[in-house]
Amino acid sequence: MEFATAVQKLASYKPRKSAQSRATLAKGILQLRDNAFSRQGEESWESLEKLTLAALDEENYEVADECLKLISDRFPNSPRVDCLTGIRMEATERPEIALRYYEELLEADSSNSAIWRRKVSVLRRMGKIDAAVTELSALLDTFYTEVDGWLELADLYNSCQQYTYALQSLSHALLLAPQNPFHFLLFAETAYLASDIPLSLKTYLQVVDMTDEEDDEVPPSDSVPTGITLRAWFGVKLCTYKLVSEPRSISNSGSQTPAPTTGNISSLDELATERLRTAYLNTTGESPPKTERAFLDALAKVIQ
């Protein structure tokens, strides 16, 4: 793994219990006790870093500390180790202590964007959203190309229902990574929350175009939407349902995005309904509810 990529993963790390963390921890403990990492050469350090994070996920601080000591002894004064040390500190120390640690590191090197991101994470956990937004905005003024930073800034704005600002942040992510359909999906979902239904519908359809299977032997009408494609079709259905049930939303576009004609809305609604019914039947093995509202509610549970 490239150094820059590894550091950015640490910058955006969030603890979460998962089957993968449990498996990594169980396997890693055996290797640790068998001293297997010492026989893996340079690859062992990346494995130890993964084991450290898995141990933190599972709140096994003894293993995390053992791994961190091995890594820090091998790479003293490494920015990557500094970041990992801060993450370990966040797990059990008061937020103020971790915040002070990050501030001291930034005083020594203000170009360490990963530490800056960790500082933002701590501020957010402390409920200091305004301060987190200020810090992250300053970081992005310096490191504009950090896509994950723009995504996090959008998420911060979404958390306090400032959807217009969130859309502005996401637009930067779209410019920097125009090939990533997930970013477009986030943009579409945020536009929906901002009540810009025409913009939301347009972007959901872009996601469908980017992710629908391109297989000459399997027409899109015969495929089963899954993952991002399924979420996008669900978004299309939500938008067409809103445009039909609340006609005023057609002209209520802060971005001035033109809405489809009534005939096109109806066609899109029928197509989205067909795609979603196929997915629902394939996923649950049951016939979907007949009423629109009940169908949407049932789909929301499946997609979650």
C-alpha atoms as a PDB file:
ATOM      1  CA  MET A   1       0.000   0.000   0.000  1.00  0.00           C
ATOM      2  CA  GLU A   2       1.340   3.427  -0.942  1.00  0.00           C
ATOM      3  CA  PHE A   3       2.323   5.630   1.987  1.00  0.00           C
ATOM      4  CA  ALA A   4      -0.065   8.461   1.052  1.00  0.00           C
ATOM      5  CA  THR A   5      -3.005   6.075   0.679  1.00  0.00           C
ATOM      6  CA  ALA A   6      -2.242   4.386   3.992  1.00  0.00           C
ATOM      7  CA  VAL A   7      -2.053   7.713   5.832  1.00  0.00           C
ATOM      8  CA  GLN A   8      -5.352   8.880   4.341  1.00  0.00           C
ATOM      9  CA  LYS A   9      -7.011   5.659   5.504  1.00  0.00           C
ATOM     10  CA  LEU A  10      -5.799   6.395   9.010  1.00  0.00           C
ATOM     11  CA  ALA A  11      -7.042   9.974   8.677  1.00  0.00           C
ATOM     12  CA  SER A  12     -10.586   8.782   7.953  1.00  0.00           C
ATOM     13  CA  TYR A  13     -10.604   5.811  10.354  1.00  0.00           C
ATOM     14  CA  LYS A  14     -13.718   5.348  12.474  1.00  0.00           C
ATOM     15  CA  PRO A  15     -14.005   2.514  14.991  1.00  0.00           C
ATOM     16  CA  ARG A  16     -16.620  -0.092  14.136  1.00  0.00           C
ATOM     17  CA  LYS A  17     -17.212  -3.633  15.268  1.00  0.00           C
ATOM     18  CA  SER A  18     -17.459  -6.013  12.343  1.00  0.00           C
ATOM     19  CA  ALA A  19     -16.946  -9.632  11.403  1.00  0.00           C
ATOM     20  CA  GLN A  20     -13.842  -8.610   9.486  1.00  0.00           C
ATOM     21  CA  SER A  21     -12.327  -6.918  12.544  1.00  0.00           C
ATOM     22  CA  ARG A  22     -13.032  -9.963  14.687  1.00  0.00           C
ATOM     23  CA  ALA A  23     -11.453 -12.290  12.114  1.00  0.00           C
ATOM     24  CA  THR A  24      -8.395 -10.057  11.693  1.00  0.00           C
ATOM     25  CA  LEU A  25      -7.951  -9.895  15.456  1.00  0.00           C
ATOM     26  CA  ALA A  26      -8.332 -13.652  16.002  1.00  0.00           C
ATOM     27  CA  LYS A  27      -5.841 -14.499  13.253  1.00  0.00           C
ATOM     28  CA  GLY A  28      -3.474 -11.699  14.228  1.00  0.00           C
ATOM     29  CA  ILE A  29      -3.263 -12.738  17.870  1.00  0.00           C
ATOM     30  CA  LEU A  30      -2.133 -16.210  16.839  1.00  0.00           C
ATOM     31  CA  GLN A  31       0.515 -14.738  14.546  1.00  0.00           C
ATOM     32  CA  LEU A  32       1.603 -12.337  17.253  1.00  0.00           C
ATOM     33  CA  ARG A  33       2.057 -15.117  19.793  1.00  0.00           C
ATOM     34  CA  ASP A  34       3.879 -17.257  17.228  1.00  0.00           C
ATOM     35  CA  ASN A  35       6.158 -14.336  16.342  1.00  0.00           C
ATOM     36  CA  ALA A  36       5.044 -14.845  12.735  1.00  0.00           C
ATOM     37  CA  PHE A  37       5.174 -11.143  11.842  1.00  0.00           C
ATOM     38  CA  SER A  38       8.948 -11.080  12.232  1.00  0.00           C
ATOM     39  CA  ARG A  39       9.211 -13.631   9.402  1.00  0.00           C
ATOM     40  CA  GLN A  40       7.079 -11.667   6.921  1.00  0.00           C
ATOM     41  CA  GLY A  41       9.612  -8.983   6.109  1.00  0.00           C
ATOM     42  CA  GLU A  42       8.421  -5.493   5.186  1.00  0.00           C
ATOM     43  CA  GLU A  43       4.841  -6.687   4.632  1.00  0.00           C
ATOM     44  CA  SER A  44       4.557  -7.389   8.340  1.00  0.00           C
ATOM     45  CA  TRP A  45       4.282  -3.692   9.247  1.00  0.00           C
ATOM     46  CA  GLU A  46       1.146  -3.150   7.210  1.00  0.00           C
ATOM     47  CA  SER A  47      -0.320  -6.329   8.721  1.00  0.00           C
ATOM     48  CA  LEU A  48       0.515  -5.069  12.214  1.00  0.00           C
ATOM     49  CA  GLU A  49      -1.170  -1.755  11.462  1.00  0.00           C
ATOM     50  CA  LYS A  50      -4.336  -3.558  10.355  1.00  0.00           C
ATOM     51  CA  LEU A  51      -4.186  -5.691  13.492  1.00  0.00           C
ATOM     52  CA  THR A  52      -3.831  -2.545  15.638  1.00  0.00           C
ATOM     53  CA  LEU A  53      -6.989  -1.053  14.138  1.00  0.00           C
ATOM     54  CA  ALA A  54      -8.884  -4.344  14.420  1.00  0.00           C
ATOM     55  CA  ALA A  55      -7.879  -4.580  18.095  1.00  0.00           C
ATOM     56  CA  LEU A  56      -9.124  -1.024  18.665  1.00  0.00           C
ATOM     57  CA  ASP A  57     -12.384  -1.885  16.911  1.00  0.00           C
ATOM     58  CA  GLU A  58     -12.831  -4.787  19.301  1.00  0.00           C
ATOM     59  CA  GLU A  59     -11.579  -2.795  22.320  1.00  0.00           C
ATOM     60  CA  ASN A  60      -8.654  -5.148  22.883  1.00  0.00           C
ATOM     61  CA  TYR A  61      -6.229  -2.459  23.977  1.00  0.00           C
ATOM     62  CA  GLU A  62      -3.555  -4.877  25.176  1.00  0.00           C
ATOM     63  CA  VAL A  63      -3.054  -6.250  21.672  1.00  0.00           C
ATOM     64  CA  ALA A  64      -3.334  -2.772  20.152  1.00  0.00           C
ATOM     65  CA  ASP A  65      -0.592  -1.489  22.444  1.00  0.00           C
ATOM     66  CA  GLU A  66       1.649  -4.464  21.731  1.00  0.00           C
ATOM     67  CA  CYS A  67       1.338  -3.903  17.972  1.00  0.00           C
ATOM     68  CA  LEU A  68       1.790  -0.160  18.262  1.00  0.00           C
ATOM     69  CA  LYS A  69       5.006  -0.585  20.245  1.00  0.00           C
ATOM     70  CA  LEU A  70       6.462  -2.906  17.619  1.00  0.00           C
ATOM     71  CA  ILE A  71       5.583  -0.421  14.859  1.00  0.00           C
ATOM     72  CA  SER A  72       6.798   2.687  16.699  1.00  0.00           C
ATOM     73  CA  ASP A  73      10.075   1.001  17.657  1.00  0.00           C
ATOM     74  CA  ARG A  74      10.671   0.227  13.980  1.00  0.00           C
ATOM     75  CA  PHE A  75       9.507   3.618  12.621  1.00  0.00           C
ATOM     76  CA  PRO A  76      10.118   6.322  15.247  1.00  0.00           C
ATOM     77  CA  ASN A  77       8.919   9.829  14.344  1.00  0.00           C
ATOM     78  CA  SER A  78       6.887   8.540  11.390  1.00  0.00           C
ATOM     79  CA  PRO A  79       3.748  10.603  10.503  1.00  0.00           C
ATOM     80  CA  ARG A  80       1.926   7.322  10.014  1.00  0.00           C
ATOM     81  CA  VAL A  81       2.861   6.177  13.507  1.00  0.00           C
ATOM     82  CA  ASP A  82       1.892   9.588  14.926  1.00  0.00           C
ATOM     83  CA  CYS A  83      -1.556   9.191  13.412  1.00  0.00           C
ATOM     84  CA  LEU A  84      -1.929   5.627  14.685  1.00  0.00           C
ATOM     85  CA  THR A  85      -0.812   6.755  18.158  1.00  0.00           C
ATOM     86  CA  GLY A  86      -3.470   9.470  18.119  1.00  0.00           C
ATOM     87  CA  ILE A  87      -6.161   6.979  17.143  1.00  0.00           C
ATOM     88  CA  ARG A  88      -5.109   4.755  20.050  1.00  0.00           C
ATOM     89  CA  MET A  89      -5.303   7.795  22.337  1.00  0.00           C
ATOM     90  CA  GLU A  90      -8.796   8.653  21.107  1.00  0.00           C
ATOM     91  CA  ALA A  91      -9.988   5.192  22.137  1.00  0.00           C
ATOM     92  CA  THR A  92      -9.502   5.607  25.896  1.00  0.00           C
ATOM     93  CA  GLU A  93      -8.343   9.147  26.709  1.00  0.00           C
ATOM     94  CA  ARG A  94     -10.515  12.218  27.143  1.00  0.00           C
ATOM     95  CA  PRO A  95     -11.075  14.048  23.818  1.00  0.00           C
ATOM     96  CA  GLU A  96      -9.241  17.082  25.148  1.00  0.00           C
ATOM     97  CA  ILE A  97      -6.047  15.041  25.561  1.00  0.00           C
ATOM     98  CA  ALA A  98      -6.164  13.694  22.016  1.00  0.00           C
ATOM     99  CA  LEU A  99      -6.953  17.179  20.737  1.00  0.00           C
ATOM    100  CA  ARG A 100      -3.926  18.622  22.517  1.00  0.00           C
ATOM    101  CA  TYR A 101      -1.741  15.858  21.070  1.00  0.00           C
ATOM    102  CA  TYR A 102      -2.891  16.668  17.528  1.00  0.00           C
ATOM    103  CA  GLU A 103      -2.449  20.404  18.034  1.00  0.00           C
ATOM    104  CA  GLU A 104       1.133  19.877  19.187  1.00  0.00           C
ATOM    105  CA  LEU A 105       1.879  17.786  16.104  1.00  0.00           C
ATOM    106  CA  LEU A 106       0.367  20.443  13.846  1.00  0.00           C
ATOM    107  CA  GLU A 107       2.418  23.169  15.503  1.00  0.00           C
ATOM    108  CA  ALA A 108       5.503  21.180  14.521  1.00  0.00           C
ATOM    109  CA  ASP A 109       4.228  20.388  11.013  1.00  0.00           C
ATOM    110  CA  SER A 110       1.127  22.184   9.726  1.00  0.00           C
ATOM    111  CA  SER A 111       1.306  20.270   6.430  1.00  0.00           C
ATOM    112  CA  ASN A 112       0.296  16.983   8.068  1.00  0.00           C
ATOM    113  CA  SER A 113      -3.203  16.711   6.604  1.00  0.00           C
ATOM    114  CA  ALA A 114      -3.908  13.328   8.234  1.00  0.00           C
ATOM    115  CA  ILE A 115      -3.385  14.775  11.708  1.00  0.00           C
ATOM    116  CA  TRP A 116      -5.568  17.730  10.730  1.00  0.00           C
ATOM    117  CA  ARG A 117      -8.342  15.307   9.781  1.00  0.00           C
ATOM    118  CA  ARG A 118      -7.984  13.460  13.087  1.00  0.00           C
ATOM    119  CA  LYS A 119      -8.292  16.791  14.884  1.00  0.00           C
ATOM    120  CA  VAL A 120     -11.536  17.453  13.005  1.00  0.00           C
ATOM    121  CA  SER A 121     -12.795  14.012  14.019  1.00  0.00           C
ATOM    122  CA  VAL A 122     -12.152  14.742  17.698  1.00  0.00           C
ATOM    123  CA  LEU A 123     -13.844  18.151  17.485  1.00  0.00           C
ATOM    124  CA  ARG A 124     -16.865  16.502  15.933  1.00  0.00           C
ATOM    125  CA  ARG A 125     -17.035  13.897  18.701  1.00  0.00           C
ATOM    126  CA  MET A 126     -16.922  16.744  21.211  1.00  0.00           C
ATOM    127  CA  GLY A 127     -19.960  18.316  19.516  1.00  0.00           C
ATOM    128  CA  LYS A 128     -17.957  21.312  18.313  1.00  0.00           C
ATOM    129  CA  ILE A 129     -19.369  21.234  14.799  1.00  0.00           C
ATOM    130  CA  ASP A 130     -18.608  24.885  13.985  1.00  0.00           C
ATOM    131  CA  ALA A 131     -14.980  24.413  14.989  1.00  0.00           C
ATOM    132  CA  ALA A 132     -14.784  21.164  13.002  1.00  0.00           C
ATOM    133  CA  VAL A 133     -16.166  22.898   9.892  1.00  0.00           C
ATOM    134  CA  THR A 134     -13.696  25.773  10.308  1.00  0.00           C
ATOM    135  CA  GLU A 135     -10.734  23.419  10.673  1.00  0.00           C
ATOM    136  CA  LEU A 136     -11.757  21.212   7.756  1.00  0.00           C
ATOM    137  CA  SER A 137     -12.441  24.209   5.505  1.00  0.00           C
ATOM    138  CA  ALA A 138      -8.979  25.568   6.306  1.00  0.00           C
ATOM    139  CA  LEU A 139      -7.448  22.187   5.532  1.00  0.00           C
ATOM    140  CA  LEU A 140      -9.211  22.014   2.166  1.00  0.00           C
ATOM    141  CA  ASP A 141      -8.064  25.514   1.289  1.00  0.00           C
ATOM    142  CA  THR A 142      -4.547  24.109   1.536  1.00  0.00           C
ATOM    143  CA  PHE A 143      -5.153  20.550   0.317  1.00  0.00           C
ATOM    144  CA  TYR A 144      -7.910  21.031  -2.242  1.00  0.00           C
ATOM    145  CA  THR A 145      -7.528  17.617  -3.879  1.00  0.00           C
ATOM    146  CA  GLU A 146      -8.413  15.619  -0.744  1.00  0.00           C
ATOM    147  CA  VAL A 147     -11.682  14.066  -1.876  1.00  0.00           C
ATOM    148  CA  ASP A 148     -12.341  12.399   1.492  1.00  0.00           C
ATOM    149  CA  GLY A 149     -12.052  15.806   3.141  1.00  0.00           C
ATOM    150  CA  TRP A 150     -14.809  17.247   0.909  1.00  0.00           C
ATOM    151  CA  LEU A 151     -16.992  14.233   1.647  1.00  0.00           C
ATOM    152  CA  GLU A 152     -16.483  14.705   5.381  1.00  0.00           C
ATOM    153  CA  LEU A 153     -17.241  18.429   5.126  1.00  0.00           C
ATOM    154  CA  ALA A 154     -20.470  17.595   3.301  1.00  0.00           C
ATOM    155  CA  ASP A 155     -21.337  15.098   6.026  1.00  0.00           C
ATOM    156  CA  LEU A 156     -20.722  17.758   8.679  1.00  0.00           C
ATOM    157  CA  TYR A 157     -23.080  20.149   6.910  1.00  0.00           C
ATOM    158  CA  ASN A 158     -25.667  17.383   6.484  1.00  0.00           C
ATOM    159  CA  SER A 159     -25.498  16.653  10.218  1.00  0.00           C
ATOM    160  CA  CYS A 160     -26.827  20.157  10.919  1.00  0.00           C
ATOM    161  CA  GLN A 161     -29.204  20.182   7.923  1.00  0.00           C
ATOM    162  CA  GLN A 162     -27.226  22.761   5.950  1.00  0.00           C
ATOM    163  CA  TYR A 163     -27.879  20.944   2.698  1.00  0.00           C
ATOM    164  CA  THR A 164     -26.960  23.778   0.329  1.00  0.00           C
ATOM    165  CA  TYR A 165     -23.458  23.924   1.803  1.00  0.00           C
ATOM    166  CA  ALA A 166     -23.287  20.130   1.712  1.00  0.00           C
ATOM    167  CA  LEU A 167     -24.089  20.165  -2.006  1.00  0.00           C
ATOM    168  CA  GLN A 168     -21.367  22.741  -2.595  1.00  0.00           C
ATOM    169  CA  SER A 169     -18.860  20.507  -0.803  1.00  0.00           C
ATOM    170  CA  LEU A 170     -19.959  17.441  -2.743  1.00  0.00           C
ATOM    171  CA  SER A 171     -19.642  19.314  -6.034  1.00  0.00           C
ATOM    172  CA  HIS A 172     -15.903  19.547  -5.375  1.00  0.00           C
ATOM    173  CA  ALA A 173     -15.755  15.781  -4.823  1.00  0.00           C
ATOM    174  CA  LEU A 174     -17.534  15.256  -8.157  1.00  0.00           C
ATOM    175  CA  LEU A 175     -15.006  17.459  -9.933  1.00  0.00           C
ATOM    176  CA  LEU A 176     -12.069  15.654  -8.345  1.00  0.00           C
ATOM    177  CA  ALA A 177     -13.395  12.116  -8.818  1.00  0.00           C
ATOM    178  CA  PRO A 178     -15.957  12.206 -11.647  1.00  0.00           C
ATOM    179  CA  GLN A 179     -15.692   8.450 -12.185  1.00  0.00           C
ATOM    180  CA  ASN A 180     -16.972   7.486  -8.713  1.00  0.00           C
ATOM    181  CA  PRO A 181     -20.730   6.747  -8.761  1.00  0.00           C
ATOM    182  CA  PHE A 182     -20.953   6.714  -4.964  1.00  0.00           C
ATOM    183  CA  HIS A 183     -20.132  10.425  -4.842  1.00  0.00           C
ATOM    184  CA  PHE A 184     -22.925  11.113  -7.319  1.00  0.00           C
ATOM    185  CA  LEU A 185     -25.265   9.016  -5.182  1.00  0.00           C
ATOM    186  CA  LEU A 186     -24.421  11.126  -2.124  1.00  0.00           C
ATOM    187  CA  PHE A 187     -25.023  14.269  -4.180  1.00  0.00           C
ATOM    188  CA  ALA A 188     -28.421  12.986  -5.359  1.00  0.00           C
ATOM    189  CA  GLU A 189     -29.489  12.021  -1.832  1.00  0.00           C
ATOM    190  CA  THR A 190     -28.418  15.405  -0.477  1.00  0.00           C
ATOM    191  CA  ALA A 191     -30.236  17.253  -3.266  1.00  0.00           C
ATOM    192  CA  TYR A 192     -33.370  15.315  -2.280  1.00  0.00           C
ATOM    193  CA  LEU A 193     -32.963  16.402   1.346  1.00  0.00           C
ATOM    194  CA  ALA A 194     -32.540  19.982   0.089  1.00  0.00           C
ATOM    195  CA  SER A 195     -35.914  19.606  -1.696  1.00  0.00           C
ATOM    196  CA  ASP A 196     -34.277  20.167  -5.079  1.00  0.00           C
ATOM    197  CA  ILE A 197     -36.149  17.239  -6.616  1.00  0.00           C
ATOM    198  CA  PRO A 198     -35.332  17.945 -10.302  1.00  0.00           C
ATOM    199  CA  LEU A 199     -31.601  18.063  -9.490  1.00  0.00           C
ATOM    200  CA  SER A 200     -31.892  14.946  -7.350  1.00  0.00           C
ATOM    201  CA  LEU A 201     -33.702  13.021 -10.104  1.00  0.00           C
ATOM    202  CA  LYS A 202     -31.178  14.081 -12.739  1.00  0.00           C
ATOM    203  CA  THR A 203     -28.277  12.916 -10.565  1.00  0.00           C
ATOM    204  CA  TYR A 204     -29.918   9.620  -9.588  1.00  0.00           C
ATOM    205  CA  LEU A 205     -30.319   8.872 -13.294  1.00  0.00           C
ATOM    206  CA  GLN A 206     -26.615   9.611 -13.790  1.00  0.00           C
ATOM    207  CA  VAL A 207     -25.825   7.020 -11.100  1.00  0.00           C
ATOM    208  CA  VAL A 208     -28.013   4.475 -12.898  1.00  0.00           C
ATOM    209  CA  ASP A 209     -26.175   5.173 -16.150  1.00  0.00           C
ATOM    210  CA  MET A 210     -22.821   4.758 -14.398  1.00  0.00           C
ATOM    211  CA  THR A 211     -23.630   1.522 -12.585  1.00  0.00           C
ATOM    212  CA  ASP A 212     -26.223  -0.442 -14.550  1.00  0.00           C
ATOM    213  CA  GLU A 213     -24.716  -3.599 -15.971  1.00  0.00           C
ATOM    214  CA  GLU A 214     -23.354  -3.244 -19.485  1.00  0.00           C
ATOM    215  CA  ASP A 215     -23.794  -6.762 -20.760  1.00  0.00           C
ATOM    216  CA  ASP A 216     -24.979  -7.304 -24.323  1.00  0.00           C
ATOM    217  CA  GLU A 217     -26.284 -10.746 -23.377  1.00  0.00           C
ATOM    218  CA  VAL A 218     -28.306  -9.478 -20.389  1.00  0.00           C
ATOM    219  CA  PRO A 219     -30.497  -6.460 -21.175  1.00  0.00           C
ATOM    220  CA  PRO A 220     -30.910  -3.987 -18.258  1.00  0.00           C
ATOM    221  CA  SER A 221     -34.604  -4.918 -18.110  1.00  0.00           C
ATOM    222  CA  ASP A 222     -33.627  -8.515 -17.264  1.00  0.00           C
ATOM    223  CA  SER A 223     -30.972  -7.699 -14.669  1.00  0.00           C
ATOM    224  CA  VAL A 224     -31.588  -7.367 -10.930  1.00  0.00           C
ATOM    225  CA  PRO A 225     -30.540  -4.002  -9.439  1.00  0.00           C
ATOM    226  CA  THR A 226     -28.274  -4.319  -6.415  1.00  0.00           C
ATOM    227  CA  GLY A 227     -26.016  -2.102  -4.307  1.00  0.00           C
ATOM    228  CA  ILE A 228     -25.600   1.454  -5.563  1.00  0.00           C
ATOM    229  CA  THR A 229     -27.799   0.800  -8.603  1.00  0.00           C
ATOM    230  CA  LEU A 230     -30.650  -0.300  -6.340  1.00  0.00           C
ATOM    231  CA  ARG A 231     -30.275   2.807  -4.172  1.00  0.00           C
ATOM    232  CA  ALA A 232     -30.268   4.952  -7.303  1.00  0.00           C
ATOM    233  CA  TRP A 233     -33.461   3.405  -8.663  1.00  0.00           C
ATOM    234  CA  PHE A 234     -35.048   3.855  -5.244  1.00  0.00           C
ATOM    235  CA  GLY A 235     -34.057   7.516  -5.413  1.00  0.00           C
ATOM    236  CA  VAL A 236     -35.571   7.833  -8.894  1.00  0.00           C
ATOM    237  CA  LYS A 237     -38.816   6.370  -7.539  1.00  0.00           C
ATOM    238  CA  LEU A 238     -38.827   8.752  -4.558  1.00  0.00           C
ATOM    239  CA  CYS A 239     -38.328  11.701  -6.906  1.00  0.00           C
ATOM    240  CA  THR A 240     -41.028  10.708  -9.391  1.00  0.00           C
ATOM    241  CA  TYR A 241     -43.420   9.984  -6.514  1.00  0.00           C
ATOM    242  CA  LYS A 242     -42.700  13.445  -5.083  1.00  0.00           C
ATOM    243  CA  LEU A 243     -43.088  15.191  -8.460  1.00  0.00           C
ATOM    244  CA  VAL A 244     -46.437  13.484  -9.035  1.00  0.00           C
ATOM    245  CA  SER A 245     -47.835  13.888  -5.507  1.00  0.00           C
ATOM    246  CA  GLU A 246     -46.462  17.414  -5.005  1.00  0.00           C
ATOM    247  CA  PRO A 247     -46.496  19.186  -8.405  1.00  0.00           C
ATOM    248  CA  ARG A 248     -45.078  22.380  -6.908  1.00  0.00           C
ATOM    249  CA  SER A 249     -41.781  20.551  -6.356  1.00  0.00           C
ATOM    250  CA  ILE A 250     -41.315  20.643 -10.152  1.00  0.00           C
ATOM    251  CA  SER A 251     -40.532  24.348 -10.036  1.00  0.00           C
ATOM    252  CA  ASN A 252     -38.922  24.339  -6.586  1.00  0.00           C
ATOM    253  CA  SER A 253     -35.329  23.843  -7.751  1.00  0.00           C
ATOM    254  CA  GLY A 254     -32.681  25.945  -6.065  1.00  0.00           C
ATOM    255  CA  SER A 255     -30.255  24.914  -8.812  1.00  0.00           C
ATOM    256  CA  GLN A 256     -32.742  25.875 -11.537  1.00  0.00           C
ATOM    257  CA  THR A 257     -32.618  22.332 -12.895  1.00  0.00           C
ATOM    258  CA  PRO A 258     -35.510  21.808 -15.327  1.00  0.00           C
ATOM    259  CA  ALA A 259     -37.861  18.971 -14.454  1.00  0.00           C
ATOM    260  CA  PRO A 260     -38.855  16.308 -17.020  1.00  0.00           C
ATOM    261  CA  THR A 261     -42.155  16.654 -18.800  1.00  0.00           C
ATOM    262  CA  THR A 262     -45.220  15.047 -17.245  1.00  0.00           C
ATOM    263  CA  GLY A 263     -45.029  12.221 -19.774  1.00  0.00           C
ATOM    264  CA  ASN A 264     -41.352  11.550 -19.030  1.00  0.00           C
ATOM    265  CA  ILE A 265     -42.007  11.602 -15.286  1.00  0.00           C
ATOM    266  CA  SER A 266     -44.678   8.959 -15.766  1.00  0.00           C
ATOM    267  CA  SER A 267     -42.379   6.804 -17.901  1.00  0.00           C
ATOM    268  CA  LEU A 268     -39.527   7.089 -15.395  1.00  0.00           C
ATOM    269  CA  ASP A 269     -41.898   6.213 -12.572  1.00  0.00           C
ATOM    270  CA  GLU A 270     -43.067   3.082 -14.360  1.00  0.00           C
ATOM    271  CA  LEU A 271     -39.509   2.023 -15.162  1.00  0.00           C
ATOM    272  CA  ALA A 272     -38.295   2.629 -11.591  1.00  0.00           C
ATOM    273  CA  THR A 273     -41.277   0.709 -10.199  1.00  0.00           C
ATOM    274  CA  GLU A 274     -40.550  -2.255 -12.464  1.00  0.00           C
ATOM    275  CA  ARG A 275     -36.837  -2.281 -11.536  1.00  0.00           C
ATOM    276  CA  LEU A 276     -37.598  -2.028  -7.825  1.00  0.00           C
ATOM    277  CA  ARG A 277     -40.290  -4.714  -7.892  1.00  0.00           C
ATOM    278  CA  THR A 278     -37.796  -7.052  -9.553  1.00  0.00           C
ATOM    279  CA  ALA A 279     -35.211  -6.299  -6.874  1.00  0.00           C
ATOM    280  CA  TYR A 280     -37.717  -6.666  -4.026  1.00  0.00           C
ATOM    281  CA  LEU A 281     -39.010 -10.031  -5.277  1.00  0.00           C
ATOM    282  CA  ASN A 282     -35.451 -11.307  -5.825  1.00  0.00           C
ATOM    283  CA  THR A 283     -34.291 -10.142  -2.382  1.00  0.00           C
ATOM    284  CA  THR A 284     -37.254 -11.147  -0.214  1.00  0.00           C
ATOM    285  CA  GLY A 285     -38.905 -13.892  -2.261  1.00  0.00           C
ATOM    286  CA  GLU A 286     -42.209 -12.114  -1.644  1.00  0.00           C
ATOM    287  CA  SER A 287     -44.527 -10.088  -3.831  1.00  0.00           C
ATOM    288  CA  PRO A 288     -44.112  -6.361  -3.140  1.00  0.00           C
ATOM    289  CA  PRO A 289     -46.925  -4.369  -1.473  1.00  0.00           C
ATOM    290  CA  LYS A 290     -49.460  -3.005  -3.937  1.00  0.00           C
ATOM    291  CA  THR A 291     -49.874   0.568  -2.669  1.00  0.00           C
ATOM    292  CA  GLU A 292     -47.204   3.147  -3.493  1.00  0.00           C
ATOM    293  CA  ARG A 293     -46.548   4.252   0.081  1.00  0.00           C
ATOM    294  CA  ALA A 294     -46.406   0.716   1.480  1.00  0.00           C
ATOM    295  CA  PHE A 295     -44.080  -0.297  -1.369  1.00  0.00           C
ATOM    296  CA  LEU A 296     -41.697   2.586  -0.665  1.00  0.00           C
ATOM    297  CA  ASP A 297     -41.672   1.816   3.069  1.00  0.00           C
ATOM    298  CA  ALA A 298     -40.951  -1.858   2.411  1.00  0.00           C
ATOM    299  CA  LEU A 299     -38.158  -0.986  -0.017  1.00  0.00           C
ATOM    300  CA  ALA A 300     -36.549   1.378   2.478  1.00  0.00           C
ATOM    301  CA  LYS A 301     -36.196  -1.532   4.921  1.00  0.00           C
ATOM    302  CA  VAL A 302     -34.686  -3.804   2.261  1.00  0.00           C
ATOM    303  CA  ILE A 303     -32.166  -1.193   1.114  1.00  0.00           C
ATOM    304  CA  GLN A 304     -31.016  -0.422   4.672  1.00  0.00           C
END
